[in-house]
Amino acid sequence: MSLSRVVRAPRGAELTCLGWPQEAAMRMLMNNLDPEVAERPEDLVVYGGTGKAARSWEAFDAIVRELRTLKGDQTLLVQSGKPVGVFDTHEWAPRVLIANSLLVPEWAT
């Protein structure tokens, strides 16, 4: 296994994002790619042979970048493994919404 890029989440009580909800989302994303638990971290595959943490390394970097600057009254929308928008919401709204879909042609509607 070639690990040209190793991802490890920050540890401890120091924030690297603007709030703990954003920090938690970022750390969970990064923990999924930690070589100690990921199936093929170099390919972003975290489980099941094809389950990816992000669509590409560029998308992963963009998600992390957005989480680090996301304010406590904004929501990041991630669609099919890449960030597609940041919306002004409110402090009780989710910080991240993720929409994924696997359409099987025979059953797609």
PDB file of N, CA and C in Angstrom:
ATOM      1  N   MET A   1       0.838  -1.173   0.000  1.00  0.00           N
ATOM      2  CA  MET A   1       0.000   0.000   0.000  1.00  0.00           C
ATOM      3  C   MET A   1       0.885   1.239   0.000  1.00  0.00           C
ATOM      4  N   SER A   2       0.686   2.107  -0.969  1.00  0.00           N
ATOM      5  CA  SER A   2       1.429   3.358  -1.042  1.00  0.00           C
ATOM      6  C   SER A   2       0.630   4.457  -0.362  1.00  0.00           C
ATOM      7  N   LEU A   3       1.220   5.048   0.651  1.00  0.00           N
ATOM      8  CA  LEU A   3       0.545   6.130   1.354  1.00  0.00           C
ATOM      9  C   LEU A   3       1.252   7.448   1.053  1.00  0.00           C
ATOM     10  N   SER A   4       1.045   7.960  -0.150  1.00  0.00           N
ATOM     11  CA  SER A   4       1.691   9.210  -0.518  1.00  0.00           C
ATOM     12  C   SER A   4       1.100  10.380   0.252  1.00  0.00           C
ATOM     13  N   ARG A   5      -0.118  10.219   0.722  1.00  0.00           N
ATOM     14  CA  ARG A   5      -0.782  11.270   1.492  1.00  0.00           C
ATOM     15  C   ARG A   5      -1.462  10.628   2.690  1.00  0.00           C
ATOM     16  N   VAL A   6      -1.036  10.977   3.872  1.00  0.00           N
ATOM     17  CA  VAL A   6      -1.605  10.412   5.090  1.00  0.00           C
ATOM     18  C   VAL A   6      -2.465  11.476   5.760  1.00  0.00           C
ATOM     19  N   VAL A   7      -3.713  11.116   6.039  1.00  0.00           N
ATOM     20  CA  VAL A   7      -4.647  12.027   6.693  1.00  0.00           C
ATOM     21  C   VAL A   7      -4.833  11.580   8.135  1.00  0.00           C
ATOM     22  N   ARG A   8      -4.637  12.493   9.041  1.00  0.00           N
ATOM     23  CA  ARG A   8      -4.913  12.251  10.462  1.00  0.00           C
ATOM     24  C   ARG A   8      -5.635  13.475  11.007  1.00  0.00           C
ATOM     25  N   ALA A   9      -6.714  13.228  11.720  1.00  0.00           N
ATOM     26  CA  ALA A   9      -7.493  14.326  12.289  1.00  0.00           C
ATOM     27  C   ALA A   9      -6.740  14.988  13.433  1.00  0.00           C
ATOM     28  N   PRO A  10      -6.977  16.290  13.624  1.00  0.00           N
ATOM     29  CA  PRO A  10      -6.415  16.940  14.808  1.00  0.00           C
ATOM     30  C   PRO A  10      -6.948  16.258  16.064  1.00  0.00           C
ATOM     31  N   ARG A  11      -6.156  16.272  17.109  1.00  0.00           N
ATOM     32  CA  ARG A  11      -6.574  15.680  18.378  1.00  0.00           C
ATOM     33  C   ARG A  11      -6.489  16.743  19.464  1.00  0.00           C
ATOM     34  N   GLY A  12      -7.215  16.498  20.534  1.00  0.00           N
ATOM     35  CA  GLY A  12      -7.161  17.430  21.651  1.00  0.00           C
ATOM     36  C   GLY A  12      -8.256  18.473  21.597  1.00  0.00           C
ATOM     37  N   ALA A  13      -8.127  19.474  22.458  1.00  0.00           N
ATOM     38  CA  ALA A  13      -9.182  20.466  22.657  1.00  0.00           C
ATOM     39  C   ALA A  13      -8.975  21.756  21.865  1.00  0.00           C
ATOM     40  N   GLU A  14      -7.956  21.806  21.016  1.00  0.00           N
ATOM     41  CA  GLU A  14      -7.716  23.023  20.239  1.00  0.00           C
ATOM     42  C   GLU A  14      -8.532  22.994  18.952  1.00  0.00           C
ATOM     43  N   LEU A  15      -9.291  24.059  18.714  1.00  0.00           N
ATOM     44  CA  LEU A  15     -10.104  24.164  17.503  1.00  0.00           C
ATOM     45  C   LEU A  15      -9.255  24.541  16.293  1.00  0.00           C
ATOM     46  N   THR A  16      -9.545  23.918  15.157  1.00  0.00           N
ATOM     47  CA  THR A  16      -8.961  24.337  13.888  1.00  0.00           C
ATOM     48  C   THR A  16     -10.046  24.895  12.973  1.00  0.00           C
ATOM     49  N   CYS A  17     -11.306  24.821  13.416  1.00  0.00           N
ATOM     50  CA  CYS A  17     -12.456  25.392  12.718  1.00  0.00           C
ATOM     51  C   CYS A  17     -13.023  26.518  13.587  1.00  0.00           C
ATOM     52  N   LEU A  18     -14.102  27.152  13.136  1.00  0.00           N
ATOM     53  CA  LEU A  18     -14.682  28.272  13.874  1.00  0.00           C
ATOM     54  C   LEU A  18     -15.638  27.836  14.980  1.00  0.00           C
ATOM     55  N   GLY A  19     -15.914  26.553  15.100  1.00  0.00           N
ATOM     56  CA  GLY A  19     -16.798  26.054  16.150  1.00  0.00           C
ATOM     57  C   GLY A  19     -16.694  24.546  16.258  1.00  0.00           C
ATOM     58  N   TRP A  20     -17.188  24.005  17.385  1.00  0.00           N
ATOM     59  CA  TRP A  20     -17.088  22.560  17.596  1.00  0.00           C
ATOM     60  C   TRP A  20     -17.945  21.730  16.639  1.00  0.00           C
ATOM     61  N   PRO A  21     -19.136  22.178  16.229  1.00  0.00           N
ATOM     62  CA  PRO A  21     -19.876  21.364  15.244  1.00  0.00           C
ATOM     63  C   PRO A  21     -19.108  21.194  13.933  1.00  0.00           C
ATOM     64  N   GLN A  22     -18.490  22.272  13.455  1.00  0.00           N
ATOM     65  CA  GLN A  22     -17.692  22.194  12.232  1.00  0.00           C
ATOM     66  C   GLN A  22     -16.453  21.331  12.464  1.00  0.00           C
ATOM     67  N   GLU A  23     -15.829  21.501  13.620  1.00  0.00           N
ATOM     68  CA  GLU A  23     -14.636  20.723  13.970  1.00  0.00           C
ATOM     69  C   GLU A  23     -14.962  19.236  14.011  1.00  0.00           C
ATOM     70  N   ALA A  24     -16.111  18.902  14.606  1.00  0.00           N
ATOM     71  CA  ALA A  24     -16.508  17.494  14.706  1.00  0.00           C
ATOM     72  C   ALA A  24     -16.700  16.879  13.322  1.00  0.00           C
ATOM     73  N   ALA A  25     -17.377  17.601  12.425  1.00  0.00           N
ATOM     74  CA  ALA A  25     -17.586  17.089  11.066  1.00  0.00           C
ATOM     75  C   ALA A  25     -16.254  16.883  10.354  1.00  0.00           C
ATOM     76  N   MET A  26     -15.344  17.841  10.496  1.00  0.00           N
ATOM     77  CA  MET A  26     -14.042  17.723   9.843  1.00  0.00           C
ATOM     78  C   MET A  26     -13.235  16.559  10.413  1.00  0.00           C
ATOM     79  N   ARG A  27     -13.235  16.421  11.735  1.00  0.00           N
ATOM     80  CA  ARG A  27     -12.472  15.330  12.347  1.00  0.00           C
ATOM     81  C   ARG A  27     -13.041  13.965  11.970  1.00  0.00           C
ATOM     82  N   MET A  28     -14.370  13.856  11.888  1.00  0.00           N
ATOM     83  CA  MET A  28     -14.961  12.574  11.475  1.00  0.00           C
ATOM     84  C   MET A  28     -14.575  12.237  10.041  1.00  0.00           C
ATOM     85  N   LEU A  29     -14.621  13.234   9.160  1.00  0.00           N
ATOM     86  CA  LEU A  29     -14.204  13.022   7.772  1.00  0.00           C
ATOM     87  C   LEU A  29     -12.752  12.563   7.720  1.00  0.00           C
ATOM     88  N   MET A  30     -11.886  13.250   8.439  1.00  0.00           N
ATOM     89  CA  MET A  30     -10.462  12.897   8.437  1.00  0.00           C
ATOM     90  C   MET A  30     -10.211  11.537   9.083  1.00  0.00           C
ATOM     91  N   ASN A  31     -10.926  11.230  10.159  1.00  0.00           N
ATOM     92  CA  ASN A  31     -10.753   9.928  10.811  1.00  0.00           C
ATOM     93  C   ASN A  31     -11.102   8.779   9.871  1.00  0.00           C
ATOM     94  N   ASN A  32     -12.073   8.996   8.977  1.00  0.00           N
ATOM     95  CA  ASN A  32     -12.429   7.964   8.003  1.00  0.00           C
ATOM     96  C   ASN A  32     -11.277   7.619   7.075  1.00  0.00           C
ATOM     97  N   LEU A  33     -10.347   8.547   6.899  1.00  0.00           N
ATOM     98  CA  LEU A  33      -9.215   8.322   5.991  1.00  0.00           C
ATOM     99  C   LEU A  33      -7.918   7.997   6.717  1.00  0.00           C
ATOM    100  N   ASP A  34      -7.979   7.877   8.021  1.00  0.00           N
ATOM    101  CA  ASP A  34      -6.798   7.492   8.792  1.00  0.00           C
ATOM    102  C   ASP A  34      -6.385   6.091   8.350  1.00  0.00           C
ATOM    103  N   PRO A  35      -5.117   5.863   8.010  1.00  0.00           N
ATOM    104  CA  PRO A  35      -4.685   4.555   7.524  1.00  0.00           C
ATOM    105  C   PRO A  35      -4.929   3.415   8.511  1.00  0.00           C
ATOM    106  N   GLU A  36      -5.138   3.737   9.784  1.00  0.00           N
ATOM    107  CA  GLU A  36      -5.422   2.691  10.766  1.00  0.00           C
ATOM    108  C   GLU A  36      -6.822   2.112  10.601  1.00  0.00           C
ATOM    109  N   VAL A  37      -7.735   2.848   9.943  1.00  0.00           N
ATOM    110  CA  VAL A  37      -9.115   2.361   9.823  1.00  0.00           C
ATOM    111  C   VAL A  37      -9.643   2.312   8.394  1.00  0.00           C
ATOM    112  N   ALA A  38      -9.098   3.109   7.497  1.00  0.00           N
ATOM    113  CA  ALA A  38      -9.611   3.154   6.126  1.00  0.00           C
ATOM    114  C   ALA A  38      -9.194   1.913   5.344  1.00  0.00           C
ATOM    115  N   GLU A  39     -10.036   1.524   4.407  1.00  0.00           N
ATOM    116  CA  GLU A  39      -9.738   0.350   3.582  1.00  0.00           C
ATOM    117  C   GLU A  39      -8.616   0.643   2.586  1.00  0.00           C
ATOM    118  N   ARG A  40      -8.770   1.707   1.806  1.00  0.00           N
ATOM    119  CA  ARG A  40      -7.739   2.150   0.857  1.00  0.00           C
ATOM    120  C   ARG A  40      -7.672   3.676   0.912  1.00  0.00           C
ATOM    121  N   PRO A  41      -7.038   4.208   1.946  1.00  0.00           N
ATOM    122  CA  PRO A  41      -7.069   5.663   2.125  1.00  0.00           C
ATOM    123  C   PRO A  41      -6.470   6.454   0.964  1.00  0.00           C
ATOM    124  N   GLU A  42      -5.490   5.894   0.278  1.00  0.00           N
ATOM    125  CA  GLU A  42      -4.873   6.618  -0.838  1.00  0.00           C
ATOM    126  C   GLU A  42      -5.858   6.857  -1.976  1.00  0.00           C
ATOM    127  N   ASP A  43      -6.921   6.018  -2.050  1.00  0.00           N
ATOM    128  CA  ASP A  43      -7.967   6.165  -3.061  1.00  0.00           C
ATOM    129  C   ASP A  43      -9.237   6.769  -2.478  1.00  0.00           C
ATOM    130  N   LEU A  44      -9.168   7.240  -1.234  1.00  0.00           N
ATOM    131  CA  LEU A  44     -10.304   7.809  -0.505  1.00  0.00           C
ATOM    132  C   LEU A  44     -11.356   6.772  -0.131  1.00  0.00           C
ATOM    133  N   VAL A  45     -11.064   5.479  -0.328  1.00  0.00           N
ATOM    134  CA  VAL A  45     -12.026   4.415  -0.033  1.00  0.00           C
ATOM    135  C   VAL A  45     -11.974   4.089   1.454  1.00  0.00           C
ATOM    136  N   VAL A  46     -13.141   4.185   2.092  1.00  0.00           N
ATOM    137  CA  VAL A  46     -13.196   3.963   3.537  1.00  0.00           C
ATOM    138  C   VAL A  46     -13.844   2.635   3.907  1.00  0.00           C
ATOM    139  N   TYR A  47     -14.692   2.078   3.031  1.00  0.00           N
ATOM    140  CA  TYR A  47     -15.331   0.795   3.343  1.00  0.00           C
ATOM    141  C   TYR A  47     -15.950   0.191   2.082  1.00  0.00           C
ATOM    142  N   GLY A  48     -16.209  -1.090   2.134  1.00  0.00           N
ATOM    143  CA  GLY A  48     -16.990  -1.775   1.113  1.00  0.00           C
ATOM    144  C   GLY A  48     -16.409  -1.813  -0.282  1.00  0.00           C
ATOM    145  N   GLY A  49     -15.154  -1.501  -0.445  1.00  0.00           N
ATOM    146  CA  GLY A  49     -14.534  -1.575  -1.762  1.00  0.00           C
ATOM    147  C   GLY A  49     -14.730  -0.348  -2.623  1.00  0.00           C
ATOM    148  N   THR A  50     -15.856   0.371  -2.444  1.00  0.00           N
ATOM    149  CA  THR A  50     -16.115   1.549  -3.270  1.00  0.00           C
ATOM    150  C   THR A  50     -16.574   2.768  -2.480  1.00  0.00           C
ATOM    151  N   GLY A  51     -16.886   2.618  -1.199  1.00  0.00           N
ATOM    152  CA  GLY A  51     -17.385   3.738  -0.392  1.00  0.00           C
ATOM    153  C   GLY A  51     -16.301   4.772  -0.141  1.00  0.00           C
ATOM    154  N   LYS A  52     -16.455   5.947  -0.736  1.00  0.00           N
ATOM    155  CA  LYS A  52     -15.428   6.989  -0.647  1.00  0.00           C
ATOM    156  C   LYS A  52     -15.830   8.095   0.329  1.00  0.00           C
ATOM    157  N   ALA A  53     -14.828   8.685   0.953  1.00  0.00           N
ATOM    158  CA  ALA A  53     -15.045   9.809   1.860  1.00  0.00           C
ATOM    159  C   ALA A  53     -15.310  11.100   1.087  1.00  0.00           C
ATOM    160  N   ALA A  54     -14.799  11.197  -0.124  1.00  0.00           N
ATOM    161  CA  ALA A  54     -14.998  12.360  -0.989  1.00  0.00           C
ATOM    162  C   ALA A  54     -14.819  11.900  -2.432  1.00  0.00           C
ATOM    163  N   ARG A  55     -15.299  12.690  -3.366  1.00  0.00           N
ATOM    164  CA  ARG A  55     -15.226  12.312  -4.778  1.00  0.00           C
ATOM    165  C   ARG A  55     -13.790  12.256  -5.288  1.00  0.00           C
ATOM    166  N   SER A  56     -12.955  13.176  -4.821  1.00  0.00           N
ATOM    167  CA  SER A  56     -11.557  13.265  -5.257  1.00  0.00           C
ATOM    168  C   SER A  56     -10.769  13.955  -4.152  1.00  0.00           C
ATOM    169  N   TRP A  57      -9.447  13.970  -4.295  1.00  0.00           N
ATOM    170  CA  TRP A  57      -8.636  14.692  -3.319  1.00  0.00           C
ATOM    171  C   TRP A  57      -8.921  16.186  -3.384  1.00  0.00           C
ATOM    172  N   GLU A  58      -9.209  16.690  -4.569  1.00  0.00           N
ATOM    173  CA  GLU A  58      -9.560  18.104  -4.695  1.00  0.00           C
ATOM    174  C   GLU A  58     -10.849  18.401  -3.936  1.00  0.00           C
ATOM    175  N   ALA A  59     -11.831  17.501  -4.043  1.00  0.00           N
ATOM    176  CA  ALA A  59     -13.092  17.679  -3.322  1.00  0.00           C
ATOM    177  C   ALA A  59     -12.877  17.552  -1.816  1.00  0.00           C
ATOM    178  N   PHE A  60     -12.046  16.596  -1.394  1.00  0.00           N
ATOM    179  CA  PHE A  60     -11.726  16.450   0.027  1.00  0.00           C
ATOM    180  C   PHE A  60     -11.123  17.744   0.570  1.00  0.00           C
ATOM    181  N   ASP A  61     -10.135  18.281  -0.146  1.00  0.00           N
ATOM    182  CA  ASP A  61      -9.488  19.522   0.290  1.00  0.00           C
ATOM    183  C   ASP A  61     -10.489  20.674   0.354  1.00  0.00           C
ATOM    184  N   ALA A  62     -11.400  20.731  -0.612  1.00  0.00           N
ATOM    185  CA  ALA A  62     -12.407  21.799  -0.623  1.00  0.00           C
ATOM    186  C   ALA A  62     -13.374  21.660   0.551  1.00  0.00           C
ATOM    187  N   ILE A  63     -13.781  20.432   0.877  1.00  0.00           N
ATOM    188  CA  ILE A  63     -14.666  20.213   2.026  1.00  0.00           C
ATOM    189  C   ILE A  63     -13.980  20.672   3.306  1.00  0.00           C
ATOM    190  N   VAL A  64     -12.735  20.257   3.498  1.00  0.00           N
ATOM    191  CA  VAL A  64     -11.989  20.647   4.703  1.00  0.00           C
ATOM    192  C   VAL A  64     -11.822  22.164   4.750  1.00  0.00           C
ATOM    193  N   ARG A  65     -11.491  22.772   3.626  1.00  0.00           N
ATOM    194  CA  ARG A  65     -11.315  24.229   3.570  1.00  0.00           C
ATOM    195  C   ARG A  65     -12.613  24.949   3.960  1.00  0.00           C
ATOM    196  N   GLU A  66     -13.738  24.472   3.430  1.00  0.00           N
ATOM    197  CA  GLU A  66     -15.027  25.097   3.753  1.00  0.00           C
ATOM    198  C   GLU A  66     -15.389  24.894   5.220  1.00  0.00           C
ATOM    199  N   LEU A  67     -15.132  23.699   5.753  1.00  0.00           N
ATOM    200  CA  LEU A  67     -15.437  23.450   7.167  1.00  0.00           C
ATOM    201  C   LEU A  67     -14.608  24.352   8.078  1.00  0.00           C
ATOM    202  N   ARG A  68     -13.385  24.612   7.704  1.00  0.00           N
ATOM    203  CA  ARG A  68     -12.515  25.447   8.549  1.00  0.00           C
ATOM    204  C   ARG A  68     -12.971  26.900   8.597  1.00  0.00           C
ATOM    205  N   THR A  69     -13.682  27.365   7.575  1.00  0.00           N
ATOM    206  CA  THR A  69     -14.126  28.761   7.539  1.00  0.00           C
ATOM    207  C   THR A  69     -15.632  28.913   7.742  1.00  0.00           C
ATOM    208  N   LEU A  70     -16.338  27.801   7.895  1.00  0.00           N
ATOM    209  CA  LEU A  70     -17.797  27.827   8.045  1.00  0.00           C
ATOM    210  C   LEU A  70     -18.187  28.474   9.370  1.00  0.00           C
ATOM    211  N   LYS A  71     -19.080  29.455   9.310  1.00  0.00           N
ATOM    212  CA  LYS A  71     -19.528  30.160  10.509  1.00  0.00           C
ATOM    213  C   LYS A  71     -20.626  29.362  11.211  1.00  0.00           C
ATOM    214  N   GLY A  72     -20.914  29.749  12.438  1.00  0.00           N
ATOM    215  CA  GLY A  72     -21.896  29.052  13.260  1.00  0.00           C
ATOM    216  C   GLY A  72     -23.335  29.257  12.843  1.00  0.00           C
ATOM    217  N   ASP A  73     -23.572  30.080  11.822  1.00  0.00           N
ATOM    218  CA  ASP A  73     -24.929  30.273  11.300  1.00  0.00           C
ATOM    219  C   ASP A  73     -24.975  29.977   9.795  1.00  0.00           C
ATOM    220  N   GLN A  74     -24.100  29.074   9.365  1.00  0.00           N
ATOM    221  CA  GLN A  74     -24.051  28.661   7.963  1.00  0.00           C
ATOM    222  C   GLN A  74     -24.132  27.143   7.874  1.00  0.00           C
ATOM    223  N   THR A  75     -24.542  26.665   6.695  1.00  0.00           N
ATOM    224  CA  THR A  75     -24.635  25.232   6.428  1.00  0.00           C
ATOM    225  C   THR A  75     -23.896  24.922   5.133  1.00  0.00           C
ATOM    226  N   LEU A  76     -23.036  23.908   5.177  1.00  0.00           N
ATOM    227  CA  LEU A  76     -22.309  23.428   4.001  1.00  0.00           C
ATOM    228  C   LEU A  76     -23.105  22.293   3.375  1.00  0.00           C
ATOM    229  N   LEU A  77     -23.347  22.370   2.077  1.00  0.00           N
ATOM    230  CA  LEU A  77     -24.026  21.304   1.348  1.00  0.00           C
ATOM    231  C   LEU A  77     -22.993  20.512   0.560  1.00  0.00           C
ATOM    232  N   VAL A  78     -22.942  19.200   0.816  1.00  0.00           N
ATOM    233  CA  VAL A  78     -22.045  18.289   0.106  1.00  0.00           C
ATOM    234  C   VAL A  78     -22.921  17.347  -0.706  1.00  0.00           C
ATOM    235  N   GLN A  79     -22.711  17.319  -2.019  1.00  0.00           N
ATOM    236  CA  GLN A  79     -23.507  16.474  -2.905  1.00  0.00           C
ATOM    237  C   GLN A  79     -22.591  15.501  -3.630  1.00  0.00           C
ATOM    238  N   SER A  80     -22.865  14.223  -3.451  1.00  0.00           N
ATOM    239  CA  SER A  80     -22.104  13.167  -4.115  1.00  0.00           C
ATOM    240  C   SER A  80     -20.598  13.347  -3.937  1.00  0.00           C
ATOM    241  N   GLY A  81     -20.189  13.678  -2.718  1.00  0.00           N
ATOM    242  CA  GLY A  81     -18.773  13.721  -2.393  1.00  0.00           C
ATOM    243  C   GLY A  81     -18.026  14.990  -2.704  1.00  0.00           C
ATOM    244  N   LYS A  82     -18.739  16.072  -3.052  1.00  0.00           N
ATOM    245  CA  LYS A  82     -18.044  17.340  -3.261  1.00  0.00           C
ATOM    246  C   LYS A  82     -18.902  18.479  -2.719  1.00  0.00           C
ATOM    247  N   PRO A  83     -18.251  19.532  -2.224  1.00  0.00           N
ATOM    248  CA  PRO A  83     -19.021  20.656  -1.694  1.00  0.00           C
ATOM    249  C   PRO A  83     -19.639  21.455  -2.838  1.00  0.00           C
ATOM    250  N   VAL A  84     -20.920  21.776  -2.695  1.00  0.00           N
ATOM    251  CA  VAL A  84     -21.592  22.514  -3.771  1.00  0.00           C
ATOM    252  C   VAL A  84     -22.113  23.871  -3.326  1.00  0.00           C
ATOM    253  N   GLY A  85     -22.105  24.145  -2.024  1.00  0.00           N
ATOM    254  CA  GLY A  85     -22.567  25.458  -1.592  1.00  0.00           C
ATOM    255  C   GLY A  85     -22.522  25.646  -0.095  1.00  0.00           C
ATOM    256  N   VAL A  86     -22.459  26.899   0.293  1.00  0.00           N
ATOM    257  CA  VAL A  86     -22.565  27.299   1.695  1.00  0.00           C
ATOM    258  C   VAL A  86     -23.735  28.266   1.774  1.00  0.00           C
ATOM    259  N   PHE A  87     -24.647  27.990   2.704  1.00  0.00           N
ATOM    260  CA  PHE A  87     -25.850  28.797   2.842  1.00  0.00           C
ATOM    261  C   PHE A  87     -25.906  29.451   4.209  1.00  0.00           C
ATOM    262  N   ASP A  88     -26.364  30.696   4.237  1.00  0.00           N
ATOM    263  CA  ASP A  88     -26.635  31.350   5.510  1.00  0.00           C
ATOM    264  C   ASP A  88     -27.904  30.732   6.074  1.00  0.00           C
ATOM    265  N   THR A  89     -27.813  30.179   7.274  1.00  0.00           N
ATOM    266  CA  THR A  89     -28.971  29.536   7.900  1.00  0.00           C
ATOM    267  C   THR A  89     -29.165  30.165   9.272  1.00  0.00           C
ATOM    268  N   HIS A  90     -29.024  29.410  10.337  1.00  0.00           N
ATOM    269  CA  HIS A  90     -29.090  29.940  11.699  1.00  0.00           C
ATOM    270  C   HIS A  90     -28.334  28.993  12.616  1.00  0.00           C
ATOM    271  N   GLU A  91     -28.125  29.407  13.850  1.00  0.00           N
ATOM    272  CA  GLU A  91     -27.258  28.642  14.746  1.00  0.00           C
ATOM    273  C   GLU A  91     -27.797  27.256  15.077  1.00  0.00           C
ATOM    274  N   TRP A  92     -29.100  27.020  14.941  1.00  0.00           N
ATOM    275  CA  TRP A  92     -29.673  25.706  15.267  1.00  0.00           C
ATOM    276  C   TRP A  92     -29.812  24.809  14.037  1.00  0.00           C
ATOM    277  N   ALA A  93     -29.467  25.324  12.872  1.00  0.00           N
ATOM    278  CA  ALA A  93     -29.513  24.518  11.650  1.00  0.00           C
ATOM    279  C   ALA A  93     -28.314  23.576  11.622  1.00  0.00           C
ATOM    280  N   PRO A  94     -28.409  22.486  10.862  1.00  0.00           N
ATOM    281  CA  PRO A  94     -27.236  21.609  10.716  1.00  0.00           C
ATOM    282  C   PRO A  94     -26.082  22.376  10.083  1.00  0.00           C
ATOM    283  N   ARG A  95     -24.868  22.061  10.500  1.00  0.00           N
ATOM    284  CA  ARG A  95     -23.705  22.698   9.885  1.00  0.00           C
ATOM    285  C   ARG A  95     -23.401  22.075   8.532  1.00  0.00           C
ATOM    286  N   VAL A  96     -23.729  20.794   8.355  1.00  0.00           N
ATOM    287  CA  VAL A  96     -23.445  20.107   7.091  1.00  0.00           C
ATOM    288  C   VAL A  96     -24.651  19.266   6.696  1.00  0.00           C
ATOM    289  N   LEU A  97     -25.023  19.337   5.432  1.00  0.00           N
ATOM    290  CA  LEU A  97     -26.015  18.440   4.844  1.00  0.00           C
ATOM    291  C   LEU A  97     -25.319  17.678   3.728  1.00  0.00           C
ATOM    292  N   ILE A  98     -25.530  16.352   3.705  1.00  0.00           N
ATOM    293  CA  ILE A  98     -24.892  15.501   2.702  1.00  0.00           C
ATOM    294  C   ILE A  98     -25.974  14.790   1.909  1.00  0.00           C
ATOM    295  N   ALA A  99     -25.916  14.903   0.589  1.00  0.00           N
ATOM    296  CA  ALA A  99     -26.865  14.224  -0.292  1.00  0.00           C
ATOM    297  C   ALA A  99     -26.085  13.289  -1.206  1.00  0.00           C
ATOM    298  N   ASN A 100     -26.337  11.986  -1.066  1.00  0.00           N
ATOM    299  CA  ASN A 100     -25.712  10.977  -1.919  1.00  0.00           C
ATOM    300  C   ASN A 100     -26.805  10.122  -2.523  1.00  0.00           C
ATOM    301  N   SER A 101     -26.596   9.674  -3.728  1.00  0.00           N
ATOM    302  CA  SER A 101     -27.600   8.842  -4.373  1.00  0.00           C
ATOM    303  C   SER A 101     -26.921   7.872  -5.325  1.00  0.00           C
ATOM    304  N   LEU A 102     -27.300   6.625  -5.212  1.00  0.00           N
ATOM    305  CA  LEU A 102     -26.840   5.607  -6.147  1.00  0.00           C
ATOM    306  C   LEU A 102     -28.066   5.162  -6.935  1.00  0.00           C
ATOM    307  N   LEU A 103     -28.147   5.589  -8.174  1.00  0.00           N
ATOM    308  CA  LEU A 103     -29.303   5.252  -8.998  1.00  0.00           C
ATOM    309  C   LEU A 103     -29.021   3.993  -9.802  1.00  0.00           C
ATOM    310  N   VAL A 104     -29.891   3.023  -9.651  1.00  0.00           N
ATOM    311  CA  VAL A 104     -29.816   1.797 -10.427  1.00  0.00           C
ATOM    312  C   VAL A 104     -30.804   1.967 -11.577  1.00  0.00           C
ATOM    313  N   PRO A 105     -30.336   1.931 -12.831  1.00  0.00           N
ATOM    314  CA  PRO A 105     -31.185   2.277 -13.972  1.00  0.00           C
ATOM    315  C   PRO A 105     -32.559   1.611 -13.984  1.00  0.00           C
ATOM    316  N   GLU A 106     -32.651   0.335 -13.663  1.00  0.00           N
ATOM    317  CA  GLU A 106     -33.938  -0.351 -13.716  1.00  0.00           C
ATOM    318  C   GLU A 106     -34.927   0.205 -12.694  1.00  0.00           C
ATOM    319  N   TRP A 107     -34.398   0.736 -11.580  1.00  0.00           N
ATOM    320  CA  TRP A 107     -35.265   1.201 -10.496  1.00  0.00           C
ATOM    321  C   TRP A 107     -35.286   2.720 -10.364  1.00  0.00           C
ATOM    322  N   ALA A 108     -34.524   3.424 -11.153  1.00  0.00           N
ATOM    323  CA  ALA A 108     -34.486   4.882 -11.056  1.00  0.00           C
ATOM    324  C   ALA A 108     -35.825   5.479 -11.469  1.00  0.00           C
ATOM    325  N   THR A 109     -36.250   6.492 -10.727  1.00  0.00           N
ATOM    326  CA  THR A 109     -37.523   7.154 -11.078  1.00  0.00           C
ATOM    327  C   THR A 109     -37.309   8.635 -11.256  1.00  0.00           C
TER     328      THR A 109
END
